[in-house]
C-alpha atoms as a PDB file:
ATOM      1  CA  MET A   1       0.000   0.000   0.000  1.00  0.00           C
ATOM      2  CA  PHE A   2       1.261   3.466  -0.860  1.00  0.00           C
ATOM      3  CA  PHE A   3       1.209   6.200   1.784  1.00  0.00           C
ATOM      4  CA  ARG A   4       1.910   9.852   1.096  1.00  0.00           C
ATOM      5  CA  HIS A   5       4.563  11.509   3.180  1.00  0.00           C
ATOM      6  CA  SER A   6       5.639  15.117   3.377  1.00  0.00           C
ATOM      7  CA  THR A   7       9.073  14.208   2.004  1.00  0.00           C
ATOM      8  CA  ASP A   8       7.672  12.718  -1.237  1.00  0.00           C
ATOM      9  CA  LYS A   9       8.038  16.056  -3.004  1.00  0.00           C
ATOM     10  CA  LEU A  10      11.793  15.935  -2.360  1.00  0.00           C
ATOM     11  CA  ILE A  11      12.534  12.231  -2.772  1.00  0.00           C
ATOM     12  CA  TYR A  12      10.950  11.607  -6.186  1.00  0.00           C
ATOM     13  CA  PRO A  13      12.722  14.475  -7.995  1.00  0.00           C
ATOM     14  CA  LEU A  14      16.029  13.402  -6.427  1.00  0.00           C
ATOM     15  CA  ILE A  15      15.472   9.841  -7.646  1.00  0.00           C
ATOM     16  CA  ALA A  16      14.669  11.156 -11.141  1.00  0.00           C
ATOM     17  CA  VAL A  17      17.797  13.342 -11.226  1.00  0.00           C
ATOM     18  CA  ALA A  18      19.955  10.462  -9.952  1.00  0.00           C
ATOM     19  CA  ALA A  19      18.539   8.190 -12.675  1.00  0.00           C
ATOM     20  CA  LEU A  20      19.311  10.823 -15.343  1.00  0.00           C
ATOM     21  CA  PHE A  21      22.897  11.116 -14.126  1.00  0.00           C
ATOM     22  CA  PHE A  22      23.283   7.331 -14.012  1.00  0.00           C
ATOM     23  CA  VAL A  23      22.085   6.984 -17.609  1.00  0.00           C
ATOM     24  CA  SER A  24      24.107   9.945 -18.903  1.00  0.00           C
ATOM     25  CA  TYR A  25      27.560   9.245 -17.428  1.00  0.00           C
ATOM     26  CA  ARG A  26      28.857   6.664 -19.887  1.00  0.00           C
ATOM     27  CA  PRO A  27      32.158   5.096 -20.843  1.00  0.00           C
ATOM     28  CA  HIS A  28      33.725   6.250 -24.091  1.00  0.00           C
ATOM     29  CA  TYR A  29      36.546   4.502 -25.856  1.00  0.00           C
ATOM     30  CA  HIS A  30      39.222   6.349 -27.812  1.00  0.00           C
ATOM     31  CA  LEU A  31      42.320   5.089 -29.538  1.00  0.00           C
ATOM     32  CA  ARG A  32      45.348   5.766 -27.388  1.00  0.00           C
ATOM     33  CA  LYS A  33      47.506   8.737 -28.269  1.00  0.00           C
ATOM     34  CA  GLN A  34      50.600   6.556 -28.052  1.00  0.00           C
ATOM     35  CA  MET A  35      50.962   4.077 -30.874  1.00  0.00           C
ATOM     36  CA  PRO A  36      50.827   0.482 -29.545  1.00  0.00           C
ATOM     37  CA  SER A  37      54.019  -1.503 -29.816  1.00  0.00           C
ATOM     38  CA  ALA A  38      52.238  -4.109 -31.961  1.00  0.00           C
ATOM     39  CA  PHE A  39      51.603  -1.449 -34.606  1.00  0.00           C
ATOM     40  CA  PHE A  40      55.307  -0.670 -34.978  1.00  0.00           C
ATOM     41  CA  GLN A  41      58.280  -2.418 -33.382  1.00  0.00           C
ATOM     42  CA  LYS A  42      60.791   0.303 -32.558  1.00  0.00           C
ATOM     43  CA  GLN A  43      64.387  -0.812 -32.702  1.00  0.00           C
ATOM     44  CA  GLU A  44      66.591   0.275 -29.815  1.00  0.00           C
ATOM     45  CA  GLY A  45      69.351   2.758 -30.512  1.00  0.00           C
ATOM     46  CA  HIS A  46      68.076   3.831 -33.912  1.00  0.00           C
ATOM     47  CA  GLU A  47      66.940   7.283 -34.846  1.00  0.00           C
ATOM     48  CA  ARG A  48      63.358   7.823 -35.808  1.00  0.00           C
ATOM     49  CA  SER A  49      63.302   6.223 -39.233  1.00  0.00           C
ATOM     50  CA  LEU A  50      61.092   6.936 -42.191  1.00  0.00           C
ATOM     51  CA  GLU A  51      59.274   3.676 -41.497  1.00  0.00           C
ATOM     52  CA  GLU A  52      58.448   4.811 -37.960  1.00  0.00           C
ATOM     53  CA  ARG A  53      57.186   8.169 -39.238  1.00  0.00           C
ATOM     54  CA  VAL A  54      54.962   6.331 -41.741  1.00  0.00           C
ATOM     55  CA  ALA A  55      53.612   4.114 -38.946  1.00  0.00           C
ATOM     56  CA  TRP A  56      52.877   7.209 -36.824  1.00  0.00           C
ATOM     57  CA  ALA A  57      51.122   8.846 -39.772  1.00  0.00           C
ATOM     58  CA  TYR A  58      48.874   5.814 -40.270  1.00  0.00           C
ATOM     59  CA  TRP A  59      48.198   5.628 -36.519  1.00  0.00           C
ATOM     60  CA  GLU A  60      47.175   9.294 -36.528  1.00  0.00           C
ATOM     61  CA  SER A  61      44.917   8.627 -39.516  1.00  0.00           C
ATOM     62  CA  ALA A  62      43.278   5.830 -37.525  1.00  0.00           C
ATOM     63  CA  GLN A  63      42.810   8.201 -34.571  1.00  0.00           C
ATOM     64  CA  MET A  64      41.395  11.089 -36.572  1.00  0.00           C
ATOM     65  CA  ASP A  65      39.338   9.318 -39.219  1.00  0.00           C
ATOM     66  CA  VAL A  66      38.789   5.604 -38.638  1.00  0.00           C
ATOM     67  CA  GLN A  67      37.803   5.414 -34.959  1.00  0.00           C
ATOM     68  CA  PHE A  68      34.758   7.610 -35.544  1.00  0.00           C
ATOM     69  CA  GLN A  69      33.518   5.406 -38.391  1.00  0.00           C
ATOM     70  CA  TYR A  70      34.156   2.055 -36.700  1.00  0.00           C
ATOM     71  CA  ALA A  71      33.683   2.239 -32.969  1.00  0.00           C
ATOM     72  CA  TYR A  72      35.256   0.139 -30.255  1.00  0.00           C
ATOM     73  CA  GLY A  73      34.109  -3.465 -30.458  1.00  0.00           C
ATOM     74  CA  HIS A  74      33.031  -3.265 -34.095  1.00  0.00           C
ATOM     75  CA  PRO A  75      35.093  -5.121 -36.714  1.00  0.00           C
ATOM     76  CA  LEU A  76      36.981  -3.272 -39.391  1.00  0.00           C
ATOM     77  CA  PRO A  77      36.306  -4.045 -43.062  1.00  0.00           C
ATOM     78  CA  MET A  78      38.767  -6.138 -45.037  1.00  0.00           C
ATOM     79  CA  ASP A  79      39.838  -3.282 -47.302  1.00  0.00           C
ATOM     80  CA  PRO A  80      41.030   0.068 -45.972  1.00  0.00           C
ATOM     81  CA  PRO A  81      38.526   2.907 -46.346  1.00  0.00           C
ATOM     82  CA  PRO A  82      39.517   5.996 -48.360  1.00  0.00           C
ATOM     83  CA  GLN A  83      39.887   7.983 -45.114  1.00  0.00           C
ATOM     84  CA  PHE A  84      42.801   5.778 -44.013  1.00  0.00           C
ATOM     85  CA  HIS A  85      45.661   7.538 -45.792  1.00  0.00           C
ATOM     86  CA  VAL A  86      48.818   9.593 -45.299  1.00  0.00           C
ATOM     87  CA  ASP A  87      50.231  12.610 -47.101  1.00  0.00           C
ATOM     88  CA  ALA A  88      52.610  11.642 -49.913  1.00  0.00           C
ATOM     89  CA  LYS A  89      54.093  15.134 -50.020  1.00  0.00           C
ATOM     90  CA  VAL A  90      55.430  14.827 -46.494  1.00  0.00           C
ATOM     91  CA  LEU A  91      56.422  11.150 -46.361  1.00  0.00           C
ATOM     92  CA  GLY A  92      57.125  10.346 -49.975  1.00  0.00           C
ATOM     93  CA  PRO A  93      55.392   8.132 -52.529  1.00  0.00           C
ATOM     94  CA  ALA A  94      56.455   4.890 -50.814  1.00  0.00           C
ATOM     95  CA  ALA A  95      54.231   5.750 -47.832  1.00  0.00           C
ATOM     96  CA  THR A  96      51.127   5.945 -50.000  1.00  0.00           C
ATOM     97  CA  ASP A  97      51.914   2.781 -51.921  1.00  0.00           C
ATOM     98  CA  PRO A  98      48.847   0.471 -51.850  1.00  0.00           C
ATOM     99  CA  ALA A  99      50.917  -2.383 -50.383  1.00  0.00           C
ATOM    100  CA  THR A 100      52.170  -0.164 -47.537  1.00  0.00           C
ATOM    101  CA  ARG A 101      48.679   1.130 -46.867  1.00  0.00           C
ATOM    102  CA  LYS A 102      47.298  -2.441 -46.839  1.00  0.00           C
ATOM    103  CA  HIS A 103      50.093  -3.536 -44.478  1.00  0.00           C
ATOM    104  CA  TYR A 104      49.224  -0.884 -41.890  1.00  0.00           C
ATOM    105  CA  TRP A 105      45.512  -1.586 -42.302  1.00  0.00           C
ATOM    106  CA  GLU A 106      46.141  -5.255 -41.503  1.00  0.00           C
ATOM    107  CA  LEU A 107      48.160  -4.242 -38.455  1.00  0.00           C
ATOM    108  CA  LEU A 108      45.303  -1.983 -37.356  1.00  0.00           C
ATOM    109  CA  GLN A 109      42.840  -4.849 -37.827  1.00  0.00           C
ATOM    110  CA  ARG A 110      44.984  -7.085 -35.603  1.00  0.00           C
ATOM    111  CA  ILE A 111      45.148  -4.631 -32.718  1.00  0.00           C
ATOM    112  CA  TRP A 112      41.700  -3.029 -33.127  1.00  0.00           C
ATOM    113  CA  SER A 113      40.024  -5.127 -30.439  1.00  0.00           C
ATOM    114  CA  THR A 114      42.943  -5.321 -28.028  1.00  0.00           C
ATOM    115  CA  PRO A 115      42.975  -3.301 -24.790  1.00  0.00           C
ATOM    116  CA  GLU A 116      46.416  -1.846 -25.554  1.00  0.00           C
ATOM    117  CA  ALA A 117      44.948   0.129 -28.469  1.00  0.00           C
ATOM    118  CA  TRP A 118      42.082   1.738 -26.563  1.00  0.00           C
ATOM    119  CA  GLU A 119      41.643   3.874 -23.498  1.00  0.00           C
ATOM    120  CA  LYS A 120      38.412   4.124 -21.585  1.00  0.00           C
ATOM    121  CA  SER A 121      37.140   7.355 -20.097  1.00  0.00           C
ATOM    122  CA  TYR A 122      33.807   8.352 -18.628  1.00  0.00           C
ATOM    123  CA  GLU A 123      32.034  11.355 -20.100  1.00  0.00           C
ATOM    124  CA  TRP A 124      28.655  13.003 -19.954  1.00  0.00           C
ATOM    125  CA  ASP A 125      26.592  11.847 -22.913  1.00  0.00           C
ATOM    126  CA  TRP A 126      23.131  13.271 -23.407  1.00  0.00           C
ATOM    127  CA  SER A 127      22.716  11.856 -26.928  1.00  0.00           C
ATOM    128  CA  TRP A 128      20.274   9.255 -25.635  1.00  0.00           C
ATOM    129  CA  ALA A 129      17.728  12.026 -25.005  1.00  0.00           C
ATOM    130  CA  SER A 130      17.157  12.582 -28.754  1.00  0.00           C
ATOM    131  CA  ASP A 131      15.774   9.024 -29.175  1.00  0.00           C
ATOM    132  CA  PRO A 132      15.364   7.345 -25.788  1.00  0.00           C
ATOM    133  CA  LEU A 133      13.741   4.156 -27.113  1.00  0.00           C
ATOM    134  CA  ALA A 134      16.510   3.436 -29.616  1.00  0.00           C
ATOM    135  CA  SER A 135      19.173   4.286 -27.045  1.00  0.00           C
ATOM    136  CA  GLY A 136      17.517   2.045 -24.463  1.00  0.00           C
ATOM    137  CA  GLY A 137      17.382  -0.818 -26.952  1.00  0.00           C
ATOM    138  CA  GLN A 138      21.048  -0.307 -27.839  1.00  0.00           C
ATOM    139  CA  TRP A 139      21.975  -0.315 -24.140  1.00  0.00           C
ATOM    140  CA  LEU A 140      20.030  -3.544 -23.544  1.00  0.00           C
ATOM    141  CA  ARG A 141      21.703  -5.234 -26.545  1.00  0.00           C
ATOM    142  CA  GLU A 142      25.155  -4.223 -25.269  1.00  0.00           C
ATOM    143  CA  LYS A 143      24.417  -5.482 -21.747  1.00  0.00           C
ATOM    144  CA  ALA A 144      23.005  -8.768 -23.076  1.00  0.00           C
ATOM    145  CA  HIS A 145      26.040  -9.193 -25.318  1.00  0.00           C
ATOM    146  CA  ASN A 146      28.382  -8.589 -22.350  1.00  0.00           C
ATOM    147  CA  ILE A 147      26.491 -11.078 -20.171  1.00  0.00           C
ATOM    148  CA  PHE A 148      26.081 -13.880 -22.699  1.00  0.00           C
ATOM    149  CA  SER A 149      29.340 -13.639 -24.651  1.00  0.00           C
ATOM    150  CA  PHE A 150      32.130 -15.939 -23.638  1.00  0.00           C
END
């Protein structure tokens, strides 16, 4: 049975605000600023080589262009998208060679789902408010996937 109390006018709004904060403070994944060692094996005692600069350029392309198209936990396509590229004027024509580009795309595919490539941070995200039903369904799918995946 439900009884009215004088504190109901304070408790229910506080519960609603707490629920809004709980739903809106979400984890976000971003590619790390530092290139993972699996993306390029640096050799000790050597200066920064052209190959390392090319690897850094492709890593920066992944950070700026690819991570916003293919989010954390989603697989990358087999072929590199047009956004995954480097500037030939700065690094030379060998850096934009299709074989070189494919090589770094395959390396990115290998490390895409590893924890060493991503960092997790919590941020305020009010995007769910534009379509709460779709966002709620997405949240339930993610939670079910986390519970039932082995």
